[in-house]
Protein backbone atom coordinates (compact mmCIF):
# COMPACT_ATOMS: atom_id res chain seq x y z
CA UNK A 1 15.79 -13.38 32.16
CA UNK A 2 14.45 -16.90 31.83
CA UNK A 3 11.06 -17.98 30.49
CA UNK A 4 8.18 -18.78 32.82
CA UNK A 5 7.50 -22.50 33.43
CA UNK A 6 5.80 -24.44 30.63
CA UNK A 7 5.17 -28.04 29.63
CA UNK A 8 7.17 -29.13 26.60
CA UNK A 9 5.56 -31.38 23.95
CA UNK A 10 7.58 -32.99 21.15
CA UNK A 11 5.18 -34.69 18.68
CA UNK A 12 6.72 -36.86 15.97
CA UNK A 13 4.04 -36.61 13.29
CA UNK A 14 1.42 -34.12 12.13
CA UNK A 15 -1.52 -35.98 13.65
CA UNK A 16 0.11 -36.04 17.06
CA UNK A 17 1.00 -32.34 16.80
CA UNK A 18 -2.58 -31.41 15.91
CA UNK A 19 -3.90 -33.60 18.71
CA UNK A 20 -1.74 -31.79 21.27
CA UNK A 21 -2.75 -28.39 19.88
CA UNK A 22 -6.42 -29.36 20.07
CA UNK A 23 -5.98 -30.26 23.73
CA UNK A 24 -4.01 -27.19 24.85
CA UNK A 25 -5.91 -24.66 22.73
CA UNK A 26 -5.10 -21.01 23.56
CA UNK A 27 -2.77 -22.12 26.38
CA UNK A 28 -0.19 -23.37 23.87
CA UNK A 29 2.42 -21.93 21.49
CA UNK A 30 4.09 -23.65 18.56
CA UNK A 31 7.90 -23.80 18.46
CA UNK A 32 9.49 -24.14 15.01
CA UNK A 33 12.56 -21.97 14.47
CA UNK A 34 12.05 -20.11 17.74
CA UNK A 35 14.00 -17.03 16.64
CA UNK A 36 11.15 -14.74 17.68
CA UNK A 37 9.36 -16.89 20.25
CA UNK A 38 12.34 -17.70 22.48
CA UNK A 39 13.33 -14.04 23.05
CA UNK A 40 9.68 -13.23 23.79
CA UNK A 41 9.58 -16.03 26.37
CA UNK A 42 12.83 -14.88 27.95
CA UNK A 43 11.56 -11.31 28.23
CA UNK A 44 8.21 -12.55 29.62
CA UNK A 45 6.34 -11.03 26.68
CA UNK A 46 4.73 -14.45 26.16
CA UNK A 47 3.88 -17.00 28.84
CA UNK A 48 2.26 -20.12 27.33
CA UNK A 49 1.52 -23.05 29.61
CA UNK A 50 2.44 -25.48 26.82
CA UNK A 51 5.14 -25.34 24.15
CA UNK A 52 4.44 -27.59 21.17
CA UNK A 53 7.80 -28.29 19.50
CA UNK A 54 7.17 -29.44 15.91
CA UNK A 55 10.84 -29.86 14.92
CA UNK A 56 10.53 -33.67 14.87
CA UNK A 57 7.60 -33.60 12.41
CA UNK A 58 9.62 -34.42 9.29
CA UNK A 59 6.63 -34.13 6.95
CA UNK A 60 6.65 -30.36 7.53
CA UNK A 61 10.26 -29.90 6.36
CA UNK A 62 9.28 -29.57 2.69
CA UNK A 63 9.95 -27.19 -0.17
CA UNK A 64 7.90 -27.83 -3.30
CA UNK A 65 8.98 -25.97 -6.43
CA UNK A 66 6.69 -25.56 -9.43
CA UNK A 67 6.57 -23.12 -12.36
CA UNK A 68 3.47 -21.50 -10.90
CA UNK A 69 4.95 -20.94 -7.44
CA UNK A 70 6.74 -22.21 -4.34
CA UNK A 71 5.10 -24.05 -1.43
CA UNK A 72 7.14 -23.77 1.76
CA UNK A 73 6.58 -26.25 4.59
CA UNK A 74 6.40 -25.14 8.21
CA UNK A 75 9.93 -26.39 9.00
CA UNK A 76 11.69 -25.06 5.88
CA UNK A 77 14.45 -22.74 7.12
CA UNK A 78 15.14 -19.28 5.72
CA UNK A 79 18.57 -20.33 4.43
CA UNK A 80 17.18 -23.42 2.71
CA UNK A 81 14.48 -21.43 0.92
CA UNK A 82 16.92 -18.68 -0.06
CA UNK A 83 19.31 -21.27 -1.52
CA UNK A 84 16.87 -23.61 -3.26
CA UNK A 85 13.58 -21.90 -4.03
CA UNK A 86 14.67 -20.01 -7.17
CA UNK A 87 11.98 -17.41 -6.50
CA UNK A 88 13.44 -13.95 -7.20
CA UNK A 89 11.48 -11.90 -4.67
CA UNK A 90 11.79 -14.52 -1.91
CA UNK A 91 15.55 -14.58 -2.46
CA UNK A 92 15.78 -10.77 -2.38
CA UNK A 93 13.75 -10.57 0.83
CA UNK A 94 15.49 -13.41 2.66
CA UNK A 95 18.89 -11.80 2.15
CA UNK A 96 17.61 -8.93 4.29
CA UNK A 97 16.35 -11.10 7.16
CA UNK A 98 18.57 -10.69 10.23
CA UNK A 99 21.90 -12.57 10.01
CA UNK A 100 23.03 -15.97 8.66
CA UNK A 101 22.84 -17.65 12.07
CA UNK A 102 19.19 -16.56 12.36
CA UNK A 103 18.40 -17.63 8.80
CA UNK A 104 19.90 -21.06 9.42
CA UNK A 105 17.36 -21.74 12.17
CA UNK A 106 14.37 -19.46 11.56
CA UNK A 107 11.46 -20.65 9.41
CA UNK A 108 9.57 -18.85 6.67
CA UNK A 109 6.14 -19.97 7.89
CA UNK A 110 7.04 -19.06 11.47
CA UNK A 111 7.87 -15.53 10.36
CA UNK A 112 4.50 -15.25 8.64
CA UNK A 113 2.61 -16.48 11.72
CA UNK A 114 4.56 -14.07 13.94
CA UNK A 115 3.06 -11.31 11.73
CA UNK A 116 5.52 -8.59 12.66
CA UNK A 117 4.68 -5.56 10.48
CA UNK A 118 8.43 -4.78 10.33
CA UNK A 119 9.29 -8.21 8.86
CA UNK A 120 10.05 -8.77 5.19
CA UNK A 121 8.26 -12.06 4.46
CA UNK A 122 4.69 -10.93 5.30
CA UNK A 123 5.14 -8.12 2.75
CA UNK A 124 6.33 -10.59 0.11
CA UNK A 125 3.34 -12.88 0.67
CA UNK A 126 0.96 -9.90 0.57
CA UNK A 127 2.48 -8.46 -2.62
CA UNK A 128 2.30 -11.78 -4.47
CA UNK A 129 -1.20 -12.60 -3.26
CA UNK A 130 -0.03 -15.81 -1.62
CA UNK A 131 -1.72 -17.89 1.05
CA UNK A 132 -1.12 -19.91 4.21
CA UNK A 133 -2.53 -23.39 4.80
CA UNK A 134 -3.88 -24.01 8.31
CA UNK A 135 -4.76 -27.45 9.71
CA UNK A 136 -6.55 -28.59 12.86
CA UNK A 137 -7.90 -31.82 14.29
CA UNK A 138 -11.66 -32.20 14.29
CA UNK A 139 -13.20 -34.88 16.51
CA UNK A 140 -15.64 -35.94 13.80
CA UNK A 141 -13.81 -35.26 10.54
CA UNK A 142 -10.17 -35.82 11.44
CA UNK A 143 -7.61 -33.40 9.99
CA UNK A 144 -9.34 -30.34 8.52
CA UNK A 145 -7.45 -27.72 6.50
CA UNK A 146 -8.21 -24.29 5.15
CA UNK A 147 -6.36 -21.84 2.88
CA UNK A 148 -6.17 -18.24 4.07
CA UNK A 149 -5.11 -15.58 1.58
CA UNK A 150 -2.50 -13.05 2.60
CA UNK A 151 -5.12 -10.30 2.53
CA UNK A 152 -7.01 -12.11 5.32
CA UNK A 153 -4.08 -13.72 7.12
CA UNK A 154 -2.49 -10.61 8.63
CA UNK A 155 -5.08 -9.05 10.92
CA UNK A 156 -2.96 -6.76 13.12
CA UNK A 157 0.51 -6.21 14.56
CA UNK A 158 1.80 -9.60 15.77
CA UNK A 159 -1.63 -11.05 15.03
CA UNK A 160 -2.49 -13.56 12.32
CA UNK A 161 -5.58 -15.56 11.38
CA UNK A 162 -4.27 -18.72 13.08
CA UNK A 163 -6.88 -19.86 15.63
CA UNK A 164 -6.22 -21.82 18.86
CA UNK A 165 -5.71 -25.47 17.96
CA UNK A 166 -4.59 -24.67 14.40
CA UNK A 167 -1.14 -25.18 12.90
CA UNK A 168 0.22 -23.28 9.90
CA UNK A 169 1.56 -26.21 7.86
CA UNK A 170 2.72 -24.39 4.71
CA UNK A 171 2.73 -21.12 2.77
CA UNK A 172 2.33 -20.63 -0.98
CA UNK A 173 4.24 -17.91 -2.84
CA UNK A 174 3.03 -17.53 -6.46
CA UNK A 175 5.65 -16.94 -9.12
CA UNK A 176 5.72 -13.44 -10.64
CA UNK A 177 4.11 -13.18 -14.09
CA UNK A 178 6.27 -13.38 -17.22
CA UNK A 179 8.17 -10.22 -18.15
CA UNK A 180 8.11 -9.16 -14.50
CA UNK A 181 10.81 -7.73 -12.28
CA UNK A 182 10.97 -7.56 -8.51
CA UNK A 183 12.96 -5.61 -5.96
CA UNK A 184 13.17 -5.13 -2.20
CA UNK A 185 14.57 -1.97 -0.61
CA UNK A 186 14.69 -1.14 3.10
CA UNK A 187 16.46 1.06 5.64
CA UNK A 188 17.50 -0.25 9.07
CA UNK A 189 19.57 1.32 11.80
CA UNK A 190 22.06 -1.56 11.56
CA UNK A 191 22.44 -4.39 9.09
CA UNK A 192 20.16 -7.22 10.17
CA UNK A 193 17.86 -5.06 12.30
CA UNK A 194 14.17 -4.79 11.57
CA UNK A 195 13.54 -2.13 8.93
CA UNK A 196 12.52 1.41 9.86
CA UNK A 197 10.74 1.27 6.50
CA UNK A 198 10.87 -1.03 3.51
CA UNK A 199 9.25 -1.55 0.13
CA UNK A 200 9.06 -4.57 -2.15
CA UNK A 201 7.91 -3.99 -5.71
CA UNK A 202 6.61 -6.01 -8.65
CA UNK A 203 6.51 -4.49 -12.16
CA UNK A 204 5.23 -6.29 -15.28
CA UNK A 205 5.92 -5.18 -18.87
CA UNK A 206 4.28 -6.06 -22.20
CA UNK A 207 5.99 -6.97 -25.48
CA UNK A 208 6.72 -3.28 -26.14
CA UNK A 209 8.25 -2.86 -22.65
CA UNK A 210 5.31 -0.78 -21.47
CA UNK A 211 4.22 -1.10 -17.85
CA UNK A 212 1.05 -3.18 -17.61
CA UNK A 213 1.06 -3.75 -13.84
CA UNK A 214 2.89 -2.38 -10.81
CA UNK A 215 2.37 -3.07 -7.12
CA UNK A 216 4.26 -2.46 -3.93
CA UNK A 217 4.01 -3.77 -0.38
CA UNK A 218 5.34 -1.55 2.40
CA UNK A 219 6.99 -2.62 5.65
CA UNK A 220 6.89 -0.84 9.04
CA UNK A 221 4.37 1.80 7.98
CA UNK A 222 1.16 0.17 9.21
CA UNK A 223 -0.18 -2.57 11.47
CA UNK A 224 0.01 -5.05 8.59
CA UNK A 225 1.82 -4.99 5.22
CA UNK A 226 0.45 -2.09 3.17
CA UNK A 227 -0.17 -3.16 -0.44
CA UNK A 228 -0.63 -0.40 -3.02
CA UNK A 229 -1.57 -1.02 -6.67
CA UNK A 230 0.02 1.74 -8.76
CA UNK A 231 -0.38 0.17 -12.20
CA UNK A 232 -2.99 2.72 -13.26
CA UNK A 233 -0.61 5.58 -12.53
CA UNK A 234 1.90 4.17 -15.01
CA UNK A 235 -0.61 4.64 -17.89
CA UNK A 236 0.94 1.80 -19.92
CA UNK A 237 3.96 3.99 -20.61
CA UNK A 238 7.40 2.60 -21.40
CA UNK A 239 9.15 2.00 -18.11
CA UNK A 240 11.79 4.60 -18.98
CA UNK A 241 9.18 7.38 -19.29
CA UNK A 242 7.05 6.64 -16.20
CA UNK A 243 7.07 9.37 -13.54
CA UNK A 244 8.29 7.04 -10.82
CA UNK A 245 8.67 9.92 -8.36
CA UNK A 246 4.98 10.73 -8.80
CA UNK A 247 4.05 7.08 -8.40
CA UNK A 248 6.10 6.94 -5.21
CA UNK A 249 4.25 9.94 -3.82
CA UNK A 250 0.99 8.01 -4.24
CA UNK A 251 2.51 5.11 -2.32
CA UNK A 252 3.57 7.43 0.49
CA UNK A 253 0.07 8.93 0.68
CA UNK A 254 -1.41 5.42 1.10
CA UNK A 255 0.54 4.77 4.31
CA UNK A 256 -0.08 5.96 7.86
CA UNK A 257 2.97 5.14 9.98
CA UNK A 258 3.16 5.83 13.70
CA UNK A 259 5.86 7.38 15.84
CA UNK A 260 7.90 5.05 18.03
CA UNK A 261 11.26 5.01 19.81
CA UNK A 262 13.05 4.10 16.57
CA UNK A 263 11.71 6.73 14.13
CA UNK A 264 9.09 9.42 13.75
CA UNK A 265 6.07 9.00 11.49
CA UNK A 266 7.34 11.85 9.31
CA UNK A 267 10.70 10.15 8.81
CA UNK A 268 9.05 6.86 7.92
CA UNK A 269 6.82 8.67 5.41
CA UNK A 270 9.89 10.18 3.80
CA UNK A 271 11.66 6.82 3.71
CA UNK A 272 8.76 4.92 2.17
CA UNK A 273 8.54 7.46 -0.67
CA UNK A 274 12.26 7.25 -1.43
CA UNK A 275 12.31 3.46 -1.17
CA UNK A 276 9.19 3.04 -3.31
CA UNK A 277 10.75 5.02 -6.13
CA UNK A 278 13.98 3.04 -5.92
CA UNK A 279 12.26 -0.35 -5.70
CA UNK A 280 9.89 0.36 -8.60
CA UNK A 281 12.76 1.54 -10.81
CA UNK A 282 14.81 -1.53 -9.87
CA UNK A 283 11.89 -3.87 -10.61
CA UNK A 284 11.17 -2.22 -13.98
CA UNK A 285 14.86 -2.42 -14.91
CA UNK A 286 14.99 -6.09 -13.98
CA UNK A 287 11.88 -6.82 -16.05
CA UNK A 288 13.41 -5.10 -19.08
CA UNK A 289 16.70 -6.97 -18.67
CA UNK A 290 14.86 -10.28 -18.38
CA UNK A 291 13.06 -9.50 -21.63
CA UNK A 292 16.34 -8.67 -23.40
CA UNK A 293 17.89 -11.90 -22.10
CA UNK A 294 14.84 -13.87 -23.23
CA UNK A 295 15.01 -12.42 -26.76
CA UNK A 296 18.74 -13.17 -26.94
CA UNK A 297 18.13 -16.75 -25.84
CA UNK A 298 15.43 -17.20 -28.48
CA UNK A 299 17.80 -15.92 -31.17
CA UNK A 300 20.47 -18.38 -30.00
CA UNK A 301 18.00 -21.23 -30.24
CA UNK A 302 16.96 -20.12 -33.74
CA UNK A 303 20.59 -19.96 -34.88
CA UNK A 304 21.32 -23.43 -33.55
CA UNK A 305 18.22 -24.81 -35.29
CA UNK A 306 19.23 -23.18 -38.59
CA UNK A 307 22.62 -24.92 -38.68
CA UNK A 308 25.93 -23.60 -40.06
CA UNK A 309 24.34 -22.19 -43.23
CA UNK A 310 22.17 -19.70 -41.38
CA UNK A 311 19.00 -21.43 -42.65
CA UNK A 312 17.78 -24.98 -43.06
CA UNK A 313 19.83 -26.77 -45.77
CA UNK A 314 18.04 -27.13 -49.09
CA UNK A 315 16.18 -30.32 -49.55
CA UNK A 316 15.70 -30.98 -45.84
């Protein structure tokens, strides 16, 4: 099938893009990577009168890296972010997104705006407590922007907080805390398909390798990413002695998946429990390994500072 007729707009800067969006309002759709939108147009699941193609707006093709987190511009491609961001959970999630040809074209922010509850990136943003920056053109004030937290951004299946006339210009993914590990586990019918169920996990340890925080975000088991804080269930125990199976049961009980043509609700419930246990164990193991590596690095630095005698030479 072919898409219904539409008028194509190709703005060359952000102001022009926002001006077009303000004019077309709810009759328009934004085209960035197009890996979700184009199939929907071809299948007549979407029929906008205007298509606002932002691929020529170079100011949106940004990736800003900082110790506190990663800010991804609206035109940053999956493959670019996976390769350059250095964010462990983003990298783990992006490796599970479709196939390389899709990742070369698809955009991180576009995936968030699409708000598919079976997609990986909304779960990552929700787990980390990230946010999306939305901009619009106001007749009196010019360009007006607002930050929407992940908790408020995903409002339903395929439904985000982006209003007519607004453009999602960037997304912010906070860095995990120190002594943290992350993991992403999912099950799909075929590699690259949307997950029947998936879980990303974040576990933080203290100096004694006891669990101080643990959270998961679940994919494909609700209308939006389901975030569950299970830190209290870990009781500040060493990661090796936590009843991860019991913690996973609590995660499963917090989800309410539906039946569909791909899997039954009961099967998804089973999967989310299994995947939660695996992801939490993986994240705790990674956190412990990071701590061991950190201690080893500190010892190496101390040895180098001490010199060949094993301590500072006398008289210096």
